[in-house]
Amino acid sequence: MRILMSGYGMLAPALLAASIVLSAPIAHAQGLDADGARETIIGSDVQTGEVSVNDDPDRVLEAIGNTGESIQEVRRRFNLGDVSIVLLNDVNTSDGPIAEAVDANQEAISELRTAIEGSAMFFHAIDSRSVMLQNVLGMEFDEDDVIIFAIGGGEVQ
């Protein structure tokens, strides 16, 4: 009798495990293409508009100059108010004051882009509007609201 039972010692636990697996409901992960997934991650409305850099060049220069503080804000934020992405449709990144500011802050801008990539909220905010991460130049924060300045018009930095 012992010889007959020895083969069944592993059968009972295997049957129990199989029945648990088969009776459990199948879990489906919600992909980013599901309705409302990106909006839930971002937590706020994202607005995009194109402007000329000449409308307020000092504001853009200040955002680029404050990139170090923006990096800390991106890392610290877990809640966003309004998100505005300002696409600068005529920015010249090869000559002029904007180009000089970008050159002077290139390392900080690169760190900002890395911080954005590491933040689901900020990354999906720009990705939801088809803004390329390498086009982000700077950010401006006002309490819970944020303005992201990026190169628009198809130019890539």
C-alpha atoms as a PDB file:
ATOM      1  CA  MET A   1       0.000   0.000   0.000  1.00  0.00           C
ATOM      2  CA  ARG A   2       2.847   2.366   0.793  1.00  0.00           C
ATOM      3  CA  ILE A   3       4.237   1.959  -2.721  1.00  0.00           C
ATOM      4  CA  LEU A   4       0.885   2.930  -4.259  1.00  0.00           C
ATOM      5  CA  MET A   5       0.483   6.030  -2.039  1.00  0.00           C
ATOM      6  CA  SER A   6       3.992   7.393  -2.551  1.00  0.00           C
ATOM      7  CA  GLY A   7       3.165   8.705  -6.012  1.00  0.00           C
ATOM      8  CA  TYR A   8       0.086  10.518  -4.774  1.00  0.00           C
ATOM      9  CA  GLY A   9       1.868  12.610  -2.161  1.00  0.00           C
ATOM     10  CA  MET A  10       2.572  15.389  -4.671  1.00  0.00           C
ATOM     11  CA  LEU A  11      -0.713  15.039  -6.523  1.00  0.00           C
ATOM     12  CA  ALA A  12      -2.930  16.625  -3.867  1.00  0.00           C
ATOM     13  CA  PRO A  13      -0.945  19.882  -3.525  1.00  0.00           C
ATOM     14  CA  ALA A  14      -0.663  20.147  -7.313  1.00  0.00           C
ATOM     15  CA  LEU A  15      -4.421  19.718  -7.742  1.00  0.00           C
ATOM     16  CA  LEU A  16      -5.073  22.307  -5.034  1.00  0.00           C
ATOM     17  CA  ALA A  17      -2.745  24.842  -6.691  1.00  0.00           C
ATOM     18  CA  ALA A  18      -4.304  24.230 -10.112  1.00  0.00           C
ATOM     19  CA  SER A  19      -7.813  24.716  -8.771  1.00  0.00           C
ATOM     20  CA  ILE A  20      -6.854  28.012  -7.120  1.00  0.00           C
ATOM     21  CA  VAL A  21      -5.226  29.329 -10.281  1.00  0.00           C
ATOM     22  CA  LEU A  22      -8.136  28.298 -12.478  1.00  0.00           C
ATOM     23  CA  SER A  23     -10.804  29.681 -10.162  1.00  0.00           C
ATOM     24  CA  ALA A  24      -9.156  33.108  -9.696  1.00  0.00           C
ATOM     25  CA  PRO A  25     -10.521  35.898 -11.909  1.00  0.00           C
ATOM     26  CA  ILE A  26      -8.170  37.012 -14.633  1.00  0.00           C
ATOM     27  CA  ALA A  27      -6.676  40.421 -13.883  1.00  0.00           C
ATOM     28  CA  HIS A  28      -6.222  42.818 -16.772  1.00  0.00           C
ATOM     29  CA  ALA A  29      -3.768  45.680 -16.510  1.00  0.00           C
ATOM     30  CA  GLN A  30      -5.074  49.027 -17.653  1.00  0.00           C
ATOM     31  CA  GLY A  31      -2.922  50.289 -20.488  1.00  0.00           C
ATOM     32  CA  LEU A  32      -2.239  53.930 -21.260  1.00  0.00           C
ATOM     33  CA  ASP A  33      -4.533  53.703 -24.271  1.00  0.00           C
ATOM     34  CA  ALA A  34      -7.567  53.034 -22.071  1.00  0.00           C
ATOM     35  CA  ASP A  35     -10.070  55.871 -21.773  1.00  0.00           C
ATOM     36  CA  GLY A  36      -8.996  58.317 -19.090  1.00  0.00           C
ATOM     37  CA  ALA A  37      -5.751  56.545 -18.135  1.00  0.00           C
ATOM     38  CA  ARG A  38      -3.449  59.473 -18.932  1.00  0.00           C
ATOM     39  CA  GLU A  39      -5.865  61.994 -17.421  1.00  0.00           C
ATOM     40  CA  THR A  40      -5.956  59.968 -14.207  1.00  0.00           C
ATOM     41  CA  ILE A  41      -2.156  59.868 -14.023  1.00  0.00           C
ATOM     42  CA  ILE A  42      -1.753  63.578 -14.768  1.00  0.00           C
ATOM     43  CA  GLY A  43      -4.660  64.544 -12.538  1.00  0.00           C
ATOM     44  CA  SER A  44      -5.458  67.767 -14.363  1.00  0.00           C
ATOM     45  CA  ASP A  45      -6.290  69.296 -17.703  1.00  0.00           C
ATOM     46  CA  VAL A  46      -3.401  69.899 -20.093  1.00  0.00           C
ATOM     47  CA  GLN A  47      -3.655  72.868 -22.438  1.00  0.00           C
ATOM     48  CA  THR A  48      -1.321  73.576 -25.328  1.00  0.00           C
ATOM     49  CA  GLY A  49      -0.799  76.727 -27.330  1.00  0.00           C
ATOM     50  CA  GLU A  50       1.736  78.139 -29.763  1.00  0.00           C
ATOM     51  CA  VAL A  51       3.180  81.595 -29.237  1.00  0.00           C
ATOM     52  CA  SER A  52       6.025  83.659 -30.546  1.00  0.00           C
ATOM     53  CA  VAL A  53       9.062  83.818 -28.326  1.00  0.00           C
ATOM     54  CA  ASN A  54       9.034  87.567 -29.014  1.00  0.00           C
ATOM     55  CA  ASP A  55       5.733  87.928 -27.103  1.00  0.00           C
ATOM     56  CA  ASP A  56       7.551  87.578 -23.763  1.00  0.00           C
ATOM     57  CA  PRO A  57      11.232  86.650 -24.193  1.00  0.00           C
ATOM     58  CA  ASP A  58      12.116  87.617 -20.608  1.00  0.00           C
ATOM     59  CA  ARG A  59       9.656  85.080 -19.242  1.00  0.00           C
ATOM     60  CA  VAL A  60      11.189  82.313 -21.361  1.00  0.00           C
ATOM     61  CA  LEU A  61      14.708  83.371 -20.349  1.00  0.00           C
ATOM     62  CA  GLU A  62      13.695  83.372 -16.695  1.00  0.00           C
ATOM     63  CA  ALA A  63      12.204  79.858 -17.025  1.00  0.00           C
ATOM     64  CA  ILE A  64      15.430  78.604 -18.616  1.00  0.00           C
ATOM     65  CA  GLY A  65      17.506  80.343 -15.942  1.00  0.00           C
ATOM     66  CA  ASN A  66      15.439  78.793 -13.138  1.00  0.00           C
ATOM     67  CA  THR A  67      15.873  75.253 -14.433  1.00  0.00           C
ATOM     68  CA  GLY A  68      17.681  74.129 -11.257  1.00  0.00           C
ATOM     69  CA  GLU A  69      14.673  75.047  -9.120  1.00  0.00           C
ATOM     70  CA  SER A  70      12.326  73.473 -11.670  1.00  0.00           C
ATOM     71  CA  ILE A  71      14.157  70.152 -11.370  1.00  0.00           C
ATOM     72  CA  GLN A  72      13.464  70.105  -7.631  1.00  0.00           C
ATOM     73  CA  GLU A  73       9.802  71.027  -8.176  1.00  0.00           C
ATOM     74  CA  VAL A  74       9.318  68.235 -10.722  1.00  0.00           C
ATOM     75  CA  ARG A  75      10.793  65.711  -8.292  1.00  0.00           C
ATOM     76  CA  ARG A  76       8.738  67.032  -5.386  1.00  0.00           C
ATOM     77  CA  ARG A  77       5.316  67.346  -7.031  1.00  0.00           C
ATOM     78  CA  PHE A  78       2.646  64.721  -6.543  1.00  0.00           C
ATOM     79  CA  ASN A  79      -0.297  66.930  -7.454  1.00  0.00           C
ATOM     80  CA  LEU A  80      -0.825  69.325 -10.338  1.00  0.00           C
ATOM     81  CA  GLY A  81      -3.299  72.101 -10.967  1.00  0.00           C
ATOM     82  CA  ASP A  82      -3.510  73.468 -14.500  1.00  0.00           C
ATOM     83  CA  VAL A  83      -0.803  72.376 -16.913  1.00  0.00           C
ATOM     84  CA  SER A  84      -0.047  74.650 -19.865  1.00  0.00           C
ATOM     85  CA  ILE A  85       2.427  73.715 -22.552  1.00  0.00           C
ATOM     86  CA  VAL A  86       3.677  76.753 -24.438  1.00  0.00           C
ATOM     87  CA  LEU A  87       5.145  75.844 -27.801  1.00  0.00           C
ATOM     88  CA  LEU A  88       7.576  78.496 -28.962  1.00  0.00           C
ATOM     89  CA  ASN A  89       7.048  78.398 -32.703  1.00  0.00           C
ATOM     90  CA  ASP A  90       9.860  80.752 -33.706  1.00  0.00           C
ATOM     91  CA  VAL A  91      12.570  80.129 -31.134  1.00  0.00           C
ATOM     92  CA  ASN A  92      16.102  80.287 -32.480  1.00  0.00           C
ATOM     93  CA  THR A  93      18.319  77.821 -30.620  1.00  0.00           C
ATOM     94  CA  SER A  94      21.410  78.617 -32.696  1.00  0.00           C
ATOM     95  CA  ASP A  95      21.669  82.394 -32.208  1.00  0.00           C
ATOM     96  CA  GLY A  96      20.450  85.099 -29.837  1.00  0.00           C
ATOM     97  CA  PRO A  97      19.607  85.369 -26.150  1.00  0.00           C
ATOM     98  CA  ILE A  98      17.528  82.155 -26.010  1.00  0.00           C
ATOM     99  CA  ALA A  99      20.387  80.185 -27.587  1.00  0.00           C
ATOM    100  CA  GLU A 100      22.840  81.694 -25.096  1.00  0.00           C
ATOM    101  CA  ALA A 101      20.566  80.798 -22.168  1.00  0.00           C
ATOM    102  CA  VAL A 102      20.126  77.242 -23.474  1.00  0.00           C
ATOM    103  CA  ASP A 103      23.904  76.860 -23.893  1.00  0.00           C
ATOM    104  CA  ALA A 104      24.591  78.255 -20.416  1.00  0.00           C
ATOM    105  CA  ASN A 105      22.006  75.931 -18.820  1.00  0.00           C
ATOM    106  CA  GLN A 106      22.437  72.857 -21.041  1.00  0.00           C
ATOM    107  CA  GLU A 107      23.375  70.517 -18.170  1.00  0.00           C
ATOM    108  CA  ALA A 108      20.455  71.690 -16.021  1.00  0.00           C
ATOM    109  CA  ILE A 109      18.036  71.410 -18.972  1.00  0.00           C
ATOM    110  CA  SER A 110      19.218  67.843 -19.520  1.00  0.00           C
ATOM    111  CA  GLU A 111      18.631  67.080 -15.822  1.00  0.00           C
ATOM    112  CA  LEU A 112      15.173  68.665 -16.066  1.00  0.00           C
ATOM    113  CA  ARG A 113      14.292  66.405 -18.975  1.00  0.00           C
ATOM    114  CA  THR A 114      15.487  63.387 -16.962  1.00  0.00           C
ATOM    115  CA  ALA A 115      13.354  64.491 -14.001  1.00  0.00           C
ATOM    116  CA  ILE A 116      10.316  64.878 -16.286  1.00  0.00           C
ATOM    117  CA  GLU A 117      10.931  61.413 -17.711  1.00  0.00           C
ATOM    118  CA  GLY A 118      10.981  60.040 -14.159  1.00  0.00           C
ATOM    119  CA  SER A 119       7.671  61.677 -13.238  1.00  0.00           C
ATOM    120  CA  ALA A 120       4.558  59.934 -14.546  1.00  0.00           C
ATOM    121  CA  MET A 121       2.505  63.136 -14.238  1.00  0.00           C
ATOM    122  CA  PHE A 122       4.852  65.434 -16.121  1.00  0.00           C
ATOM    123  CA  PHE A 123       5.936  62.861 -18.696  1.00  0.00           C
ATOM    124  CA  HIS A 124       2.372  61.919 -19.606  1.00  0.00           C
ATOM    125  CA  ALA A 125       1.371  65.592 -19.672  1.00  0.00           C
ATOM    126  CA  ILE A 126       3.849  66.340 -22.450  1.00  0.00           C
ATOM    127  CA  ASP A 127       3.432  62.964 -24.126  1.00  0.00           C
ATOM    128  CA  SER A 128      -0.346  63.367 -24.252  1.00  0.00           C
ATOM    129  CA  ARG A 129       0.179  66.445 -26.445  1.00  0.00           C
ATOM    130  CA  SER A 130       2.862  64.813 -28.622  1.00  0.00           C
ATOM    131  CA  VAL A 131       5.574  67.142 -27.334  1.00  0.00           C
ATOM    132  CA  MET A 132       9.001  65.571 -27.570  1.00  0.00           C
ATOM    133  CA  LEU A 133      10.936  65.524 -24.308  1.00  0.00           C
ATOM    134  CA  GLN A 134      14.083  66.858 -25.968  1.00  0.00           C
ATOM    135  CA  ASN A 135      12.133  69.985 -26.969  1.00  0.00           C
ATOM    136  CA  VAL A 136      11.467  71.058 -23.361  1.00  0.00           C
ATOM    137  CA  LEU A 137      13.490  74.167 -22.518  1.00  0.00           C
ATOM    138  CA  GLY A 138      12.179  75.233 -19.119  1.00  0.00           C
ATOM    139  CA  MET A 139       9.270  75.391 -16.712  1.00  0.00           C
ATOM    140  CA  GLU A 140       7.466  77.948 -14.615  1.00  0.00           C
ATOM    141  CA  PHE A 141       5.600  77.061 -11.423  1.00  0.00           C
ATOM    142  CA  ASP A 142       2.845  79.036  -9.706  1.00  0.00           C
ATOM    143  CA  GLU A 143       1.449  77.223  -6.668  1.00  0.00           C
ATOM    144  CA  ASP A 144      -0.132  74.050  -8.167  1.00  0.00           C
ATOM    145  CA  ASP A 145      -0.086  75.303 -11.766  1.00  0.00           C
ATOM    146  CA  VAL A 146       2.772  74.723 -14.179  1.00  0.00           C
ATOM    147  CA  ILE A 147       3.787  76.131 -17.537  1.00  0.00           C
ATOM    148  CA  ILE A 148       6.141  74.065 -19.678  1.00  0.00           C
ATOM    149  CA  PHE A 149       8.086  75.933 -22.369  1.00  0.00           C
ATOM    150  CA  ALA A 150       9.062  73.800 -25.358  1.00  0.00           C
ATOM    151  CA  ILE A 151      10.274  74.264 -28.892  1.00  0.00           C
ATOM    152  CA  GLY A 152       7.333  74.150 -31.292  1.00  0.00           C
ATOM    153  CA  GLY A 153       6.982  74.095 -35.039  1.00  0.00           C
ATOM    154  CA  GLY A 154       8.849  70.855 -35.629  1.00  0.00           C
ATOM    155  CA  GLU A 155      12.360  72.058 -34.698  1.00  0.00           C
ATOM    156  CA  VAL A 156      14.211  69.622 -32.465  1.00  0.00           C
ATOM    157  CA  GLN A 157      17.046  70.648 -30.221  1.00  0.00           C
END
